[in-house]
Amino acid sequence: MTGSAERRDSCKRTDFEAPICLALISEGSWMNGKMLNHGMQGMCVQSEVCLQLGVTVLIRVDGTALGTFPEGLRMLVLGEVKWCKNKPDEAFFPYEVGIKYFPPHY
């Protein structure tokens, strides 16, 4: 695991799998992934690559693959990588990543 132990936010998490695209803000290139769950303050995703702690990512949920949108699901969001675990038994997305949303600035 990269970084400290997983610490979820105090908000309820909703298990919901959906295809996503992730972009590293520092690089601007997109990669495929899969959302596993989400909450008011963050989400857990699977990624093709190991993402470093503290990296800023832009996440876009592929709405065309969804029938009904779960309450509170953000379709486009900026967040910070809080942890990353290697899951060698996963062929397509071998890394599980915890992402905390940046708070909105109004």
Protein backbone atom coordinates (compact mmCIF):
# COMPACT_ATOMS: atom_id res chain seq x y z
CA MET A 1 0.00 0.00 0.00
CA THR A 2 1.20 3.50 -0.76
CA GLY A 3 0.75 5.94 2.12
CA SER A 4 -1.04 5.57 5.42
CA ALA A 5 -3.73 3.08 6.30
CA GLU A 6 -7.10 3.57 4.67
CA ARG A 7 -9.24 6.08 6.56
CA ARG A 8 -12.72 6.54 5.18
CA ASP A 9 -14.71 9.67 5.74
CA SER A 10 -17.43 9.58 8.36
CA CYS A 11 -20.11 9.68 5.66
CA LYS A 12 -21.94 6.60 4.45
CA ARG A 13 -20.45 4.88 1.39
CA THR A 14 -22.62 3.52 -1.42
CA ASP A 15 -21.34 0.53 -3.37
CA PHE A 16 -21.81 1.34 -7.04
CA GLU A 17 -19.65 0.17 -9.92
CA ALA A 18 -19.30 2.38 -12.99
CA PRO A 19 -16.69 2.98 -15.67
CA ILE A 20 -14.64 6.14 -15.16
CA CYS A 21 -11.85 8.10 -16.79
CA LEU A 22 -9.09 9.60 -14.65
CA ALA A 23 -6.70 12.38 -15.59
CA LEU A 24 -3.62 13.36 -13.65
CA ILE A 25 -3.78 17.14 -13.52
CA SER A 26 0.00 17.40 -13.76
CA GLU A 27 0.04 15.37 -17.01
CA GLY A 28 -3.36 15.90 -18.60
CA SER A 29 -3.56 12.39 -20.05
CA TRP A 30 -6.67 10.25 -19.51
CA MET A 31 -6.74 6.62 -18.37
CA ASN A 32 -9.57 4.16 -17.84
CA GLY A 33 -10.73 2.91 -14.48
CA LYS A 34 -13.73 1.72 -12.50
CA MET A 35 -15.53 3.29 -9.54
CA LEU A 36 -16.27 0.82 -6.74
CA ASN A 37 -18.08 3.06 -4.24
CA HIS A 38 -18.68 6.70 -3.40
CA GLY A 39 -19.65 8.94 -0.51
CA MET A 40 -20.12 12.63 0.14
CA GLN A 41 -16.37 13.20 0.61
CA GLY A 42 -14.75 10.75 -1.76
CA MET A 43 -14.73 7.55 -3.78
CA CYS A 44 -12.82 4.31 -4.20
CA VAL A 45 -11.71 3.46 -7.73
CA GLN A 46 -9.70 0.88 -9.59
CA SER A 47 -6.89 2.16 -11.81
CA GLU A 48 -4.54 0.88 -14.50
CA VAL A 49 -1.54 2.49 -12.78
CA CYS A 50 -0.33 3.13 -9.25
CA LEU A 51 -1.21 6.70 -8.28
CA GLN A 52 1.07 8.52 -5.87
CA LEU A 53 -0.19 10.00 -2.60
CA GLY A 54 -1.22 13.63 -2.87
CA VAL A 55 -1.63 13.64 -6.67
CA THR A 56 -4.58 15.67 -7.95
CA VAL A 57 -6.89 13.76 -10.28
CA LEU A 58 -9.89 14.68 -12.36
CA ILE A 59 -12.50 11.92 -12.42
CA ARG A 60 -15.26 11.65 -15.00
CA VAL A 61 -17.96 9.03 -14.47
CA ASP A 62 -19.19 7.56 -17.75
CA GLY A 63 -22.86 8.51 -17.55
CA THR A 64 -23.75 6.67 -20.77
CA ALA A 65 -23.19 3.36 -18.99
CA LEU A 66 -25.49 4.24 -16.11
CA GLY A 67 -29.22 3.69 -16.05
CA THR A 68 -30.09 5.48 -12.81
CA PHE A 69 -27.81 7.89 -11.03
CA PRO A 70 -27.37 7.17 -7.32
CA GLU A 71 -28.05 10.11 -5.02
CA GLY A 72 -24.95 12.17 -4.36
CA LEU A 73 -22.87 10.73 -7.21
CA ARG A 74 -20.62 13.37 -8.72
CA MET A 75 -20.17 12.94 -12.46
CA LEU A 76 -17.09 15.19 -12.75
CA VAL A 77 -14.90 15.88 -9.73
CA LEU A 78 -11.41 16.90 -8.63
CA GLY A 79 -9.82 14.98 -5.82
CA GLU A 80 -6.63 14.02 -4.06
CA VAL A 81 -5.19 10.50 -3.88
CA LYS A 82 -5.17 9.43 -0.23
CA TRP A 83 -4.08 5.80 -0.59
CA CYS A 84 -3.27 3.22 -3.27
CA LYS A 85 -3.17 -0.58 -2.88
CA ASN A 86 -1.86 -3.15 -5.33
CA LYS A 87 -4.44 -5.82 -6.20
CA PRO A 88 -2.39 -8.28 -8.30
CA ASP A 89 -5.38 -10.61 -8.79
CA GLU A 90 -7.16 -7.89 -10.85
CA ALA A 91 -6.15 -8.19 -14.51
CA PHE A 92 -7.42 -4.90 -15.99
CA PHE A 93 -7.22 -2.49 -13.04
CA PRO A 94 -4.60 -3.82 -10.60
CA TYR A 95 -4.67 -0.80 -8.24
CA GLU A 96 -7.37 0.23 -5.79
CA VAL A 97 -7.25 3.94 -4.98
CA GLY A 98 -8.92 6.10 -2.33
CA ILE A 99 -9.73 9.61 -3.51
CA LYS A 100 -10.93 12.48 -1.34
CA TYR A 101 -12.89 15.21 -3.11
CA PHE A 102 -11.66 18.77 -2.94
CA PRO A 103 -14.32 20.95 -1.32
CA PRO A 104 -16.24 23.19 -3.72
CA HIS A 105 -15.27 26.87 -3.71
CA TYR A 106 -18.29 29.07 -4.21
